[in-house]
Amino acid sequence: MSSLDQKQIILTIVQGADGKEWAAEKNGWSRDSTVPLCDWEGIMCNPVDKATVEAVELAQSDLSATIPEEYGQLTGLRGLMLRQNMIFGTIPNSVANLPNLEVIDLSLNKISGSLPVFKSTKLRTVLLFGNLLSGPIAPNVGEYGKNMIEYDIRENELTGTIPMGAAAFEGMENLNTLTLSQNNFSGFIPGSLGKLKEMEFLYLDKNNLVGPVPRDLLPSDSKLSEVWLHQNALSGTVPSAFSNLVFLIDLYIDGNKFTGTIPKDICKDEVNKDFFEGADDLVSLEDRDYCQSIACPVNTVSEEGVYPCEECGASSFYNPYLGQSGQCVDLSEKDILEIFFQATNGETWSIDGMNWMRDGVEDCDFIGITCDSFGQVTEIVLSNADLSGTIPPEIAFLEHLHILDLSDNKITGFLPSDLRFTPLDVLNIGGNKMRGIVPPKLCLDEGVNGNGKDGQYRCDRIACPVGMYSSTGRSSAGSKISCQNCYDEVQFLGSKYCDERFYLQSPSGKKTGLGLSGKMAITISTISLIVAIGVFIVMRRTRKERMVMDESEQVP
């Protein structure tokens, strides 16, 4: 490609009046410039032929533009670094398909659309954090990633599950850092991530991941030194296999649904060392409980879910989980109902004779509430009442609740795994707008919707998974009603219908085939039962300071 052709392509990123003003302040950056293209500000060329553009490095340059489709013609491009500008629009397929790309850094912009699969087998660094990317991670995200070292897509709006399989992250056999934090991922942590023998840094915090930590994630030959799992909805106990990680220095698990205790073998002074910094005057070395630097024990809380921890105190307050922040659960039924009312936007409910939270009205007299002879709440039936918002986890601490029917509303969010603590016989959340999967611990809660009474524990008896539907939003224990497959995207947990748009019509007019969501739904539902049974790391992330990496990657 001639220098003239490259010049025309490079200049396609100069867009509109703002672009012209931006370019006027840069050395070169004009069709009429006498400055050689390879000497333009932010342009780096091949040192041998001194003509082929190999890198565009315009980080923090106040550039406002979309990424030009034409940049896909720069087949010699090894680095595209546009960090911390005002880049918007999507990542063109032509750019994702560049064959020689080694570093792409588009972080801290306003890029939207889906997350592409980059097809350069030479790619070593992908930095896309701090954007507006949405949708799922492609199942073949790692198909071309055998040389990938760092993959960072935190702080976006990505959804779906973390893909599994040889073409997913397992294909990135040299991966050192995987950062998926602060998105909306749901489902399980794939144990197969433990196959990545070069991985030192794993950041999965601030998502909606459920289920236990898989033991396969923690092999004895692992190089993991930082594991961030905090602020998800992970459950079960904390695996003692964390003690296998001989290089471990940061382990953050607070803000989940873990029960039990922290295994003593994990509690070492070198793990989460920063939480005891400045504590010399408060607690001696001999008296330090290093387990509290990993997570506060059950029935205690703290500001961050780790040391220093405070007991719940009063008998009416309780906390069943490790590593909880904020306040202990108030076991007062009236207070729990008030939390539920606020979380589901009670002021907008459409109920005739609405009397919730009215002066002089007892909680047992609230519409939709049934109590036993002792004044204890046993039923909440509020179907088709325009509830919105989310189901608060506190509802699970109604100790005598047997029926919870919130069907046919506009509830969003995720199904709390906390509901396993209630003695529920009936749970009906069908016909809402909830996402994710049924938490595996809830799938194993005997008696809910007849689950377990025939020896089978099935998540679809709680709610049909995403990609499936039934007339009730779940399967029945007697197989009279079962969840049916939709061809493509049924977006919600517990769907009661399948839009005709998502079916594939065969020539005979019969509805055939399973789409991606339907296949994933079956896979995830099955897994829930099994589970319940020259690139460098820019800087070490520290949780206390919540540092944002601001050093640009350079192409060597």
Protein backbone atom coordinates (compact mmCIF):
# COMPACT_ATOMS: atom_id res chain seq x y z
CA MET A 1 0.00 0.00 0.00
CA SER A 2 1.38 3.38 -0.96
CA SER A 3 2.06 6.14 1.52
CA LEU A 4 -0.62 8.22 -0.20
CA ASP A 5 -3.24 5.50 0.30
CA GLN A 6 -2.26 5.15 3.96
CA LYS A 7 -2.48 8.91 4.46
CA GLN A 8 -6.04 8.96 3.13
CA ILE A 9 -7.00 6.06 5.38
CA ILE A 10 -5.39 7.56 8.49
CA LEU A 11 -7.22 10.85 7.93
CA THR A 12 -10.64 9.17 7.98
CA ILE A 13 -10.52 9.47 11.77
CA VAL A 14 -10.63 13.26 11.36
CA GLN A 15 -14.39 13.78 11.39
CA GLY A 16 -16.47 16.95 11.33
CA ALA A 17 -15.58 20.42 12.54
CA ASP A 18 -14.26 19.13 15.87
CA GLY A 19 -12.00 16.71 14.02
CA LYS A 20 -10.58 19.43 11.81
CA GLU A 21 -9.90 21.57 14.85
CA TRP A 22 -8.20 18.62 16.55
CA ALA A 23 -6.07 17.83 13.49
CA ALA A 24 -4.95 21.44 13.15
CA GLU A 25 -3.15 21.13 16.47
CA LYS A 26 -1.28 17.95 15.51
CA ASN A 27 1.99 17.71 13.65
CA GLY A 28 1.22 16.45 10.13
CA TRP A 29 -2.44 15.40 9.98
CA SER A 30 -3.37 17.16 6.76
CA ARG A 31 -3.72 16.04 3.16
CA ASP A 32 -1.54 18.96 2.14
CA SER A 33 1.10 18.39 4.83
CA THR A 34 4.70 18.19 3.68
CA VAL A 35 5.55 16.21 6.82
CA PRO A 36 6.11 12.51 5.92
CA LEU A 37 3.29 10.30 7.21
CA CYS A 38 5.67 8.33 9.42
CA ASP A 39 6.61 11.56 11.21
CA TRP A 40 3.04 12.53 11.99
CA GLU A 41 2.16 12.82 15.67
CA GLY A 42 0.92 9.46 16.94
CA ILE A 43 1.93 7.48 13.84
CA MET A 44 4.63 4.81 13.99
CA CYS A 45 5.97 3.02 10.93
CA ASN A 46 7.95 -0.10 10.21
CA PRO A 47 11.61 0.69 11.07
CA VAL A 48 12.87 -1.26 8.07
CA ASP A 49 10.80 -0.01 5.14
CA LYS A 50 10.02 3.30 6.92
CA ALA A 51 6.67 3.39 5.13
CA THR A 52 4.19 0.84 6.46
CA VAL A 53 2.07 2.20 9.32
CA GLU A 54 2.36 -0.19 12.26
CA ALA A 55 0.77 1.80 15.09
CA VAL A 56 -1.69 4.60 15.70
CA GLU A 57 -1.09 5.94 19.21
CA LEU A 58 -3.46 8.80 20.06
CA ALA A 59 -4.23 8.14 23.73
CA GLN A 60 -5.56 11.04 25.80
CA SER A 61 -5.52 13.42 22.86
CA ASP A 62 -9.11 14.79 23.12
CA LEU A 63 -10.07 13.03 19.89
CA SER A 64 -13.81 12.81 19.19
CA ALA A 65 -14.58 10.31 16.43
CA THR A 66 -15.78 6.88 15.47
CA ILE A 67 -13.29 4.18 14.55
CA PRO A 68 -13.18 4.23 10.75
CA GLU A 69 -14.08 1.09 8.83
CA GLU A 70 -11.21 2.04 6.53
CA TYR A 71 -8.66 1.28 9.28
CA GLY A 72 -9.23 -2.37 8.44
CA GLN A 73 -7.22 -1.72 5.29
CA LEU A 74 -4.09 -1.00 7.35
CA THR A 75 -3.05 -4.64 7.22
CA GLY A 76 0.38 -3.90 8.67
CA LEU A 77 -1.11 -2.35 11.81
CA ARG A 78 0.26 -3.88 14.99
CA GLY A 79 -1.11 -1.42 17.53
CA LEU A 80 -4.23 0.74 17.81
CA MET A 81 -4.16 2.83 20.98
CA LEU A 82 -6.97 5.36 21.40
CA ARG A 83 -7.35 5.23 25.17
CA GLN A 84 -9.23 7.91 27.09
CA ASN A 85 -10.65 9.99 24.29
CA MET A 86 -14.21 10.56 23.11
CA ILE A 87 -14.40 7.61 20.75
CA PHE A 88 -17.98 6.46 20.14
CA GLY A 89 -19.82 4.05 17.86
CA THR A 90 -18.90 0.41 17.42
CA ILE A 91 -15.68 -1.51 16.73
CA PRO A 92 -15.77 -2.26 12.98
CA ASN A 93 -15.44 -5.88 11.93
CA SER A 94 -12.68 -4.84 9.54
CA VAL A 95 -10.61 -3.65 12.50
CA ALA A 96 -11.37 -6.78 14.55
CA ASN A 97 -10.16 -8.82 11.56
CA LEU A 98 -6.78 -7.06 11.19
CA PRO A 99 -4.27 -9.92 10.76
CA ASN A 100 -1.19 -8.46 12.46
CA LEU A 101 -2.71 -6.66 15.43
CA GLU A 102 -0.77 -7.15 18.68
CA VAL A 103 -2.18 -4.44 20.96
CA ILE A 104 -5.59 -2.79 20.91
CA ASP A 105 -6.35 -0.25 23.63
CA LEU A 106 -9.71 1.51 23.27
CA SER A 107 -10.35 1.84 27.00
CA LEU A 108 -12.10 4.73 28.73
CA ASN A 109 -14.19 5.85 25.78
CA LYS A 110 -17.89 5.64 24.82
CA ILE A 111 -17.70 2.65 22.48
CA SER A 112 -20.95 0.70 22.21
CA GLY A 113 -22.24 -2.36 20.42
CA SER A 114 -21.11 -5.95 20.82
CA LEU A 115 -17.75 -7.33 21.85
CA PRO A 116 -15.98 -8.58 18.71
CA VAL A 117 -13.81 -11.65 18.30
CA PHE A 118 -10.38 -10.37 17.29
CA LYS A 119 -8.86 -12.59 14.63
CA SER A 120 -5.17 -11.78 14.86
CA THR A 121 -3.25 -14.75 16.23
CA LYS A 122 -0.52 -12.26 17.18
CA LEU A 123 -2.76 -10.32 19.53
CA ARG A 124 -1.35 -10.06 23.05
CA THR A 125 -3.26 -7.24 24.71
CA VAL A 126 -6.95 -6.30 24.54
CA LEU A 127 -7.92 -3.31 26.70
CA LEU A 128 -11.56 -2.29 26.26
CA PHE A 129 -12.47 -1.34 29.82
CA GLY A 130 -14.60 1.67 30.69
CA ASN A 131 -16.87 1.65 27.63
CA LEU A 132 -20.53 0.89 26.83
CA LEU A 133 -20.13 -2.53 25.22
CA SER A 134 -23.18 -4.76 25.65
CA GLY A 135 -24.39 -8.28 24.92
CA PRO A 136 -22.62 -11.58 25.64
CA ILE A 137 -19.04 -12.74 25.18
CA ALA A 138 -18.85 -14.85 22.02
CA PRO A 139 -18.30 -18.57 22.67
CA ASN A 140 -15.22 -18.45 20.40
CA VAL A 141 -13.67 -15.41 22.07
CA GLY A 142 -10.35 -17.23 22.45
CA GLU A 143 -10.26 -18.99 19.09
CA TYR A 144 -7.38 -16.81 17.85
CA GLY A 145 -5.98 -15.94 21.29
CA LYS A 146 -3.16 -18.41 21.86
CA ASN A 147 -0.70 -15.52 22.33
CA MET A 148 -3.02 -13.35 24.45
CA ILE A 149 -1.45 -12.09 27.67
CA GLU A 150 -3.94 -9.53 28.95
CA TYR A 151 -7.69 -9.31 28.27
CA ASP A 152 -9.54 -6.53 30.08
CA ILE A 153 -13.21 -5.74 29.44
CA ARG A 154 -14.24 -4.48 32.89
CA GLU A 155 -16.67 -1.63 33.46
CA ASN A 156 -18.92 -2.25 30.46
CA GLU A 157 -22.55 -3.41 30.17
CA LEU A 158 -21.85 -6.98 29.09
CA THR A 159 -24.27 -9.76 29.98
CA GLY A 160 -24.68 -13.52 29.70
CA THR A 161 -22.43 -16.22 31.05
CA ILE A 162 -18.66 -16.64 30.96
CA PRO A 163 -18.19 -19.00 28.00
CA MET A 164 -16.57 -22.39 28.40
CA GLY A 165 -14.70 -24.61 25.97
CA ALA A 166 -11.47 -24.78 24.01
CA ALA A 167 -12.48 -21.83 21.80
CA ALA A 168 -13.32 -19.64 24.79
CA PHE A 169 -10.83 -18.30 27.33
CA GLU A 170 -9.18 -21.71 27.63
CA GLY A 171 -7.85 -21.08 24.13
CA MET A 172 -5.78 -18.20 25.51
CA GLU A 173 -3.14 -20.58 26.80
CA ASN A 174 -0.61 -17.82 27.61
CA LEU A 175 -3.10 -15.52 29.34
CA ASN A 176 -1.64 -13.75 32.36
CA THR A 177 -4.50 -11.37 33.26
CA LEU A 178 -8.25 -11.81 32.78
CA THR A 179 -10.44 -8.90 33.90
CA LEU A 180 -14.23 -9.20 33.60
CA SER A 181 -15.12 -7.01 36.59
CA GLN A 182 -18.07 -4.64 36.86
CA ASN A 183 -20.34 -6.01 34.16
CA ASN A 184 -23.61 -7.94 34.41
CA PHE A 185 -22.31 -11.47 33.88
CA SER A 186 -24.37 -14.25 35.44
CA GLY A 187 -24.08 -18.02 35.72
CA PHE A 188 -21.09 -19.91 37.05
CA ILE A 189 -17.34 -19.44 37.19
CA PRO A 190 -15.95 -21.96 34.68
CA GLY A 191 -13.59 -24.34 36.46
CA SER A 192 -11.78 -24.73 33.16
CA LEU A 193 -10.16 -21.32 33.76
CA GLY A 194 -7.87 -23.29 36.06
CA LYS A 195 -6.27 -24.78 32.94
CA LEU A 196 -4.64 -21.43 32.19
CA LYS A 197 -1.24 -22.21 33.69
CA GLU A 198 0.23 -18.74 33.07
CA MET A 199 -2.62 -16.79 34.66
CA GLU A 200 -1.61 -14.71 37.69
CA PHE A 201 -4.45 -12.19 37.89
CA LEU A 202 -8.16 -13.11 37.80
CA TYR A 203 -10.71 -10.35 38.32
CA LEU A 204 -14.39 -11.38 38.26
CA ASP A 205 -15.73 -9.00 40.91
CA LYS A 206 -18.96 -6.97 40.78
CA ASN A 207 -21.03 -9.22 38.57
CA ASN A 208 -23.95 -11.55 39.28
CA LEU A 209 -22.11 -14.87 39.34
CA VAL A 210 -23.68 -17.67 41.36
CA GLY A 211 -22.86 -21.15 42.58
CA PRO A 212 -19.76 -22.42 44.38
CA VAL A 213 -16.15 -21.65 43.53
CA PRO A 214 -15.11 -24.64 41.38
CA ARG A 215 -12.17 -26.59 42.78
CA ASP A 216 -10.79 -27.00 39.24
CA LEU A 217 -10.11 -23.28 39.31
CA LEU A 218 -7.49 -23.81 42.01
CA PRO A 219 -4.97 -26.48 40.94
CA SER A 220 -1.84 -26.94 43.02
CA ASP A 221 0.41 -25.72 40.18
CA SER A 222 -1.53 -22.47 39.71
CA LYS A 223 0.37 -19.18 39.44
CA LEU A 224 -2.60 -17.12 40.63
CA SER A 225 -1.56 -14.29 42.92
CA GLU A 226 -4.66 -12.10 42.80
CA VAL A 227 -8.22 -13.47 42.78
CA TRP A 228 -11.05 -10.95 42.99
CA LEU A 229 -14.49 -12.54 43.39
CA HIS A 230 -16.11 -9.99 45.67
CA GLN A 231 -19.61 -8.59 45.24
CA ASN A 232 -21.22 -11.42 43.34
CA ALA A 233 -23.80 -13.96 44.56
CA LEU A 234 -21.45 -16.95 44.94
CA SER A 235 -22.56 -19.53 47.48
CA GLY A 236 -21.47 -22.64 49.30
CA THR A 237 -18.35 -22.68 51.46
CA VAL A 238 -14.96 -21.16 50.75
CA PRO A 239 -12.78 -23.95 49.28
CA SER A 240 -9.72 -24.93 51.28
CA ALA A 241 -8.08 -25.42 47.86
CA PHE A 242 -7.26 -21.70 47.95
CA SER A 243 -4.36 -22.80 50.15
CA ASN A 244 -2.93 -24.49 47.02
CA LEU A 245 -2.14 -21.06 45.61
CA VAL A 246 1.42 -20.59 46.84
CA PHE A 247 1.75 -17.18 45.15
CA LEU A 248 -1.54 -15.79 46.51
CA ILE A 249 -1.37 -12.25 47.89
CA ASP A 250 -4.89 -10.88 47.22
CA LEU A 251 -8.07 -12.91 47.77
CA TYR A 252 -11.30 -10.90 47.83
CA ILE A 253 -14.48 -12.93 48.38
CA ASP A 254 -16.62 -10.57 50.49
CA GLY A 255 -20.08 -9.49 49.41
CA ASN A 256 -21.17 -12.97 48.31
CA LYS A 257 -23.42 -15.66 49.86
CA PHE A 258 -20.72 -17.86 51.36
CA THR A 259 -21.53 -19.67 54.59
CA GLY A 260 -19.45 -21.58 57.12
CA THR A 261 -15.97 -20.37 58.04
CA ILE A 262 -12.77 -19.40 56.26
CA PRO A 263 -10.41 -22.42 56.16
CA LYS A 264 -7.50 -21.68 58.50
CA ASP A 265 -4.92 -22.76 55.90
CA ILE A 266 -5.84 -19.70 53.82
CA CYS A 267 -5.50 -17.22 56.69
CA LYS A 268 -1.91 -16.04 56.36
CA ASP A 269 -0.32 -12.71 57.11
CA GLU A 270 0.79 -12.29 53.48
CA VAL A 271 -2.77 -12.62 52.10
CA ASN A 272 -4.70 -9.31 51.92
CA LYS A 273 -1.91 -7.73 53.91
CA ASP A 274 -3.13 -4.19 53.21
CA PHE A 275 -6.22 -4.58 55.41
CA PHE A 276 -4.08 -4.65 58.55
CA GLU A 277 -2.00 -1.65 57.50
CA GLY A 278 -2.10 1.01 60.21
CA ALA A 279 -3.62 -1.43 62.72
CA ASP A 280 -0.51 -1.82 64.89
CA ASP A 281 -1.97 0.39 67.62
CA LEU A 282 -5.31 -1.44 67.57
CA VAL A 283 -4.38 -5.10 67.59
CA SER A 284 -1.08 -6.85 68.20
CA LEU A 285 0.44 -9.30 65.76
CA GLU A 286 -0.32 -12.15 68.15
CA ASP A 287 -4.02 -11.23 68.40
CA ARG A 288 -4.70 -10.71 64.73
CA ASP A 289 -7.26 -12.97 63.10
CA TYR A 290 -5.96 -13.13 59.56
CA CYS A 291 -9.18 -14.83 58.44
CA GLN A 292 -10.89 -11.47 58.96
CA SER A 293 -8.66 -9.91 56.30
CA ILE A 294 -10.33 -12.32 53.86
CA ALA A 295 -13.92 -12.01 55.12
CA CYS A 296 -15.77 -11.12 58.29
CA PRO A 297 -17.30 -14.18 59.97
CA VAL A 298 -20.99 -15.07 60.06
CA ASN A 299 -23.13 -12.82 62.27
CA THR A 300 -20.75 -9.88 61.87
CA VAL A 301 -20.46 -6.99 59.41
CA SER A 302 -18.04 -4.24 58.50
CA GLU A 303 -17.70 -1.34 56.12
CA GLU A 304 -16.09 -3.49 53.39
CA GLY A 305 -16.90 -7.00 54.60
CA VAL A 306 -13.37 -7.48 55.94
CA TYR A 307 -11.38 -6.40 59.02
CA PRO A 308 -12.35 -4.66 61.26
CA CYS A 309 -15.51 -6.70 61.87
CA GLU A 310 -18.34 -5.96 64.32
CA GLU A 311 -20.85 -8.41 65.76
CA CYS A 312 -24.51 -8.00 64.88
CA GLY A 313 -25.34 -7.60 68.56
CA ALA A 314 -29.10 -7.40 69.14
CA SER A 315 -30.99 -10.69 68.90
CA SER A 316 -33.33 -9.30 66.23
CA PHE A 317 -30.42 -8.79 63.83
CA TYR A 318 -28.62 -11.55 62.00
CA ASN A 319 -26.18 -12.21 59.16
CA PRO A 320 -25.81 -15.77 57.80
CA TYR A 321 -23.00 -14.93 55.38
CA LEU A 322 -19.26 -14.39 55.40
CA GLY A 323 -17.87 -11.03 54.40
CA GLN A 324 -20.94 -8.82 54.61
CA SER A 325 -20.84 -5.04 54.61
CA GLY A 326 -23.37 -2.49 55.81
CA GLN A 327 -25.90 -3.72 58.34
CA CYS A 328 -27.04 -7.07 59.67
CA VAL A 329 -30.46 -8.31 58.57
CA ASP A 330 -33.33 -6.95 60.64
CA LEU A 331 -35.48 -10.00 61.43
CA SER A 332 -38.55 -7.91 62.23
CA GLU A 333 -41.25 -9.04 59.77
CA LYS A 334 -42.72 -5.58 59.45
CA ASP A 335 -39.32 -4.11 58.62
CA ILE A 336 -38.68 -6.85 56.04
CA LEU A 337 -42.02 -6.14 54.39
CA GLU A 338 -41.18 -2.45 54.27
CA ILE A 339 -37.86 -3.26 52.56
CA PHE A 340 -39.78 -5.43 50.08
CA PHE A 341 -42.29 -2.63 49.48
CA GLN A 342 -39.53 -0.12 48.73
CA ALA A 343 -37.47 -2.51 46.57
CA THR A 344 -40.48 -3.35 44.35
CA ASN A 345 -41.63 0.28 44.07
CA GLY A 346 -44.72 -0.20 46.20
CA GLU A 347 -46.05 3.29 45.55
CA THR A 348 -46.68 2.31 41.91
CA TRP A 349 -48.39 -1.05 42.56
CA SER A 350 -51.86 -1.38 41.01
CA ILE A 351 -53.91 -2.98 43.78
CA ASP A 352 -57.49 -2.07 44.62
CA GLY A 353 -57.74 -0.88 48.21
CA MET A 354 -53.95 -0.56 48.51
CA ASN A 355 -53.11 -0.37 52.23
CA TRP A 356 -49.41 -1.24 52.54
CA MET A 357 -47.42 1.05 54.81
CA ARG A 358 -50.51 2.99 55.84
CA ASP A 359 -50.85 4.33 59.39
CA GLY A 360 -52.72 2.00 61.69
CA VAL A 361 -52.62 -0.99 59.30
CA GLU A 362 -50.96 -4.11 60.70
CA ASP A 363 -48.69 -6.08 58.40
CA CYS A 364 -50.98 -9.13 58.55
CA ASP A 365 -53.75 -6.94 57.12
CA PHE A 366 -51.73 -5.81 54.10
CA ILE A 367 -53.39 -6.86 50.86
CA GLY A 368 -51.70 -10.03 49.58
CA ILE A 369 -50.40 -11.05 53.01
CA THR A 370 -51.60 -14.09 54.94
CA CYS A 371 -50.52 -14.78 58.51
CA ASP A 372 -50.94 -17.75 60.83
CA SER A 373 -52.65 -17.66 64.21
CA PHE A 374 -49.43 -16.36 65.77
CA GLY A 375 -49.31 -13.34 63.48
CA GLN A 376 -46.41 -14.72 61.44
CA VAL A 377 -46.32 -14.08 57.67
CA THR A 378 -46.90 -17.34 55.80
CA GLU A 379 -47.97 -16.16 52.34
CA ILE A 380 -47.24 -13.26 50.00
CA VAL A 381 -49.45 -13.33 46.89
CA LEU A 382 -49.03 -10.26 44.70
CA SER A 383 -49.41 -11.52 41.16
CA ASN A 384 -50.27 -9.15 38.32
CA ALA A 385 -49.97 -6.09 40.56
CA ASP A 386 -47.41 -4.00 38.63
CA LEU A 387 -44.53 -4.74 40.97
CA SER A 388 -41.23 -3.56 39.52
CA GLY A 389 -37.68 -3.18 40.83
CA THR A 390 -36.01 -6.24 42.34
CA ILE A 391 -36.71 -8.95 44.92
CA PRO A 392 -34.68 -7.96 47.99
CA PRO A 393 -32.69 -10.74 49.68
CA GLU A 394 -34.22 -9.77 53.05
CA ILE A 395 -37.52 -11.41 52.02
CA ALA A 396 -35.77 -14.75 52.59
CA PHE A 397 -35.66 -14.08 56.33
CA LEU A 398 -39.41 -14.37 56.77
CA GLU A 399 -38.97 -17.54 58.75
CA HIS A 400 -42.50 -18.88 58.26
CA LEU A 401 -43.09 -17.99 54.61
CA HIS A 402 -44.52 -20.92 52.65
CA ILE A 403 -45.93 -19.24 49.55
CA LEU A 404 -44.34 -16.46 47.52
CA ASP A 405 -46.25 -15.60 44.35
CA LEU A 406 -44.93 -12.57 42.48
CA SER A 407 -45.89 -13.76 39.01
CA ASP A 408 -46.88 -11.58 36.06
CA ASN A 409 -45.26 -8.39 37.21
CA LYS A 410 -42.36 -6.26 35.94
CA ILE A 411 -39.70 -7.40 38.39
CA THR A 412 -36.13 -7.23 37.08
CA GLY A 413 -32.75 -8.25 38.45
CA PHE A 414 -31.81 -11.73 39.61
CA LEU A 415 -33.42 -14.41 41.76
CA PRO A 416 -31.82 -14.24 45.23
CA SER A 417 -30.15 -17.43 46.38
CA ASP A 418 -31.14 -16.34 49.91
CA LEU A 419 -34.61 -17.80 49.27
CA ARG A 420 -33.15 -21.19 50.18
CA PHE A 421 -33.42 -20.12 53.83
CA THR A 422 -37.22 -19.87 53.70
CA PRO A 423 -39.48 -22.92 54.20
CA LEU A 424 -41.13 -22.28 50.83
CA ASP A 425 -43.58 -24.76 49.35
CA VAL A 426 -44.54 -22.53 46.42
CA LEU A 427 -42.35 -20.03 44.59
CA ASN A 428 -43.85 -18.40 41.52
CA ILE A 429 -41.83 -15.71 39.72
CA GLY A 430 -43.04 -16.51 36.18
CA GLY A 431 -43.94 -13.75 33.77
CA ASN A 432 -41.48 -11.15 35.02
CA LYS A 433 -38.34 -9.63 33.50
CA MET A 434 -35.73 -11.34 35.62
CA ARG A 435 -32.40 -12.48 34.18
CA GLY A 436 -29.61 -14.90 34.99
CA ILE A 437 -30.18 -18.43 36.23
CA VAL A 438 -31.78 -20.12 39.20
CA PRO A 439 -29.12 -20.21 41.94
CA PRO A 440 -27.99 -23.85 42.35
CA LYS A 441 -28.48 -23.82 46.12
CA LEU A 442 -32.13 -22.94 45.53
CA CYS A 443 -32.45 -25.80 43.02
CA LEU A 444 -31.51 -28.18 45.84
CA ASP A 445 -34.02 -26.76 48.30
CA GLU A 446 -36.33 -29.72 48.86
CA GLY A 447 -40.06 -29.12 48.66
CA VAL A 448 -40.12 -25.88 46.66
CA ASN A 449 -42.66 -26.47 43.89
CA GLY A 450 -42.40 -30.20 44.64
CA ASN A 451 -38.69 -30.27 43.93
CA GLY A 452 -36.90 -33.35 45.27
CA LYS A 453 -40.04 -35.26 46.28
CA ASP A 454 -39.58 -37.67 43.36
CA GLY A 455 -35.83 -37.87 43.95
CA GLN A 456 -35.10 -35.25 41.28
CA TYR A 457 -33.83 -31.73 41.90
CA ARG A 458 -34.39 -29.58 38.85
CA CYS A 459 -33.82 -25.86 38.43
CA ASP A 460 -36.63 -25.60 35.88
CA ARG A 461 -39.10 -26.47 38.63
CA ILE A 462 -38.20 -23.11 40.14
CA ALA A 463 -38.24 -21.20 36.83
CA CYS A 464 -37.77 -21.95 33.14
CA PRO A 465 -34.25 -20.92 32.15
CA VAL A 466 -33.56 -18.14 29.69
CA GLY A 467 -34.32 -19.48 26.20
CA MET A 468 -37.27 -21.61 27.37
CA TYR A 469 -40.86 -21.06 28.49
CA SER A 470 -44.03 -22.71 29.79
CA SER A 471 -47.57 -21.60 30.59
CA THR A 472 -46.59 -21.16 34.26
CA GLY A 473 -43.00 -20.07 33.76
CA ARG A 474 -41.69 -23.33 35.23
CA SER A 475 -41.94 -27.13 34.99
CA SER A 476 -44.11 -29.19 37.31
CA ALA A 477 -42.87 -32.14 39.32
CA GLY A 478 -45.42 -34.45 37.73
CA SER A 479 -44.31 -33.56 34.20
CA LYS A 480 -47.74 -32.18 33.37
CA ILE A 481 -46.07 -28.92 32.43
CA SER A 482 -42.54 -28.69 31.08
CA CYS A 483 -40.37 -25.87 29.85
CA GLN A 484 -40.28 -25.72 26.05
CA ASN A 485 -37.48 -24.48 23.83
CA CYS A 486 -37.67 -21.23 21.95
CA TYR A 487 -35.76 -20.93 18.71
CA ASP A 488 -33.80 -17.86 19.72
CA GLU A 489 -33.83 -15.10 22.31
CA VAL A 490 -36.30 -15.41 25.15
CA GLN A 491 -34.55 -12.96 27.37
CA PHE A 492 -36.07 -13.63 30.77
CA LEU A 493 -36.02 -16.24 33.51
CA GLY A 494 -39.43 -17.84 34.02
CA SER A 495 -40.93 -16.80 30.69
CA LYS A 496 -44.56 -17.75 30.10
CA TYR A 497 -44.54 -17.38 26.33
CA CYS A 498 -42.25 -17.59 23.35
CA ASP A 499 -42.62 -14.80 20.82
CA GLU A 500 -43.28 -16.13 17.32
CA ARG A 501 -40.33 -14.08 16.05
CA PHE A 502 -37.99 -16.46 17.83
CA TYR A 503 -39.19 -19.66 16.17
CA LEU A 504 -37.77 -21.13 13.01
CA GLN A 505 -40.46 -22.31 10.60
CA SER A 506 -39.72 -25.46 8.63
CA PRO A 507 -41.17 -25.85 5.10
CA SER A 508 -44.01 -27.87 6.62
CA GLY A 509 -44.82 -25.02 8.95
CA LYS A 510 -43.64 -26.88 12.03
CA LYS A 511 -41.55 -25.04 14.57
CA THR A 512 -38.09 -26.56 14.62
CA GLY A 513 -34.64 -26.18 16.00
CA LEU A 514 -33.01 -24.76 19.06
CA GLY A 515 -31.30 -21.38 19.01
CA LEU A 516 -28.20 -20.43 20.94
CA SER A 517 -30.15 -19.29 23.98
CA GLY A 518 -32.14 -22.49 24.13
CA LYS A 519 -29.00 -24.60 23.95
CA MET A 520 -27.29 -22.48 26.59
CA ALA A 521 -30.36 -22.73 28.82
CA ILE A 522 -30.24 -26.52 28.78
CA THR A 523 -26.49 -26.51 29.38
CA ILE A 524 -26.68 -24.08 32.28
CA SER A 525 -29.60 -25.91 33.90
CA THR A 526 -27.64 -29.15 33.73
CA ILE A 527 -24.46 -27.56 35.05
CA SER A 528 -26.33 -26.10 38.02
CA LEU A 529 -27.06 -29.55 39.29
CA ILE A 530 -23.52 -30.78 38.62
CA VAL A 531 -21.92 -27.78 40.27
CA ALA A 532 -24.15 -27.98 43.27
CA ILE A 533 -22.94 -31.53 43.58
CA GLY A 534 6.29 -7.55 24.24
CA VAL A 535 3.42 -6.72 26.30
CA PHE A 536 3.40 -6.35 30.09
CA ILE A 537 1.01 -5.93 32.98
CA VAL A 538 0.60 -2.17 33.25
CA MET A 539 0.36 -2.07 37.04
CA ARG A 540 -0.93 -4.19 39.90
CA ARG A 541 -4.48 -3.23 40.74
CA THR A 542 -5.05 -2.48 44.40
CA ARG A 543 -8.50 -2.77 45.83
CA LYS A 544 -8.15 -0.10 48.48
CA GLU A 545 -7.36 2.62 45.98
CA ARG A 546 -9.53 1.25 43.13
CA MET A 547 -6.83 2.34 40.74
CA VAL A 548 -7.57 2.80 37.04
CA MET A 549 -4.76 1.77 34.77
CA ASP A 550 -3.67 4.82 32.85
CA GLU A 551 -0.43 3.80 31.21
CA SER A 552 -0.72 3.27 27.44
CA GLU A 553 0.50 -0.01 25.95
CA GLN A 554 3.38 0.43 23.54
CA VAL A 555 4.16 -1.71 20.52
CA PRO A 556 7.80 -2.80 20.78
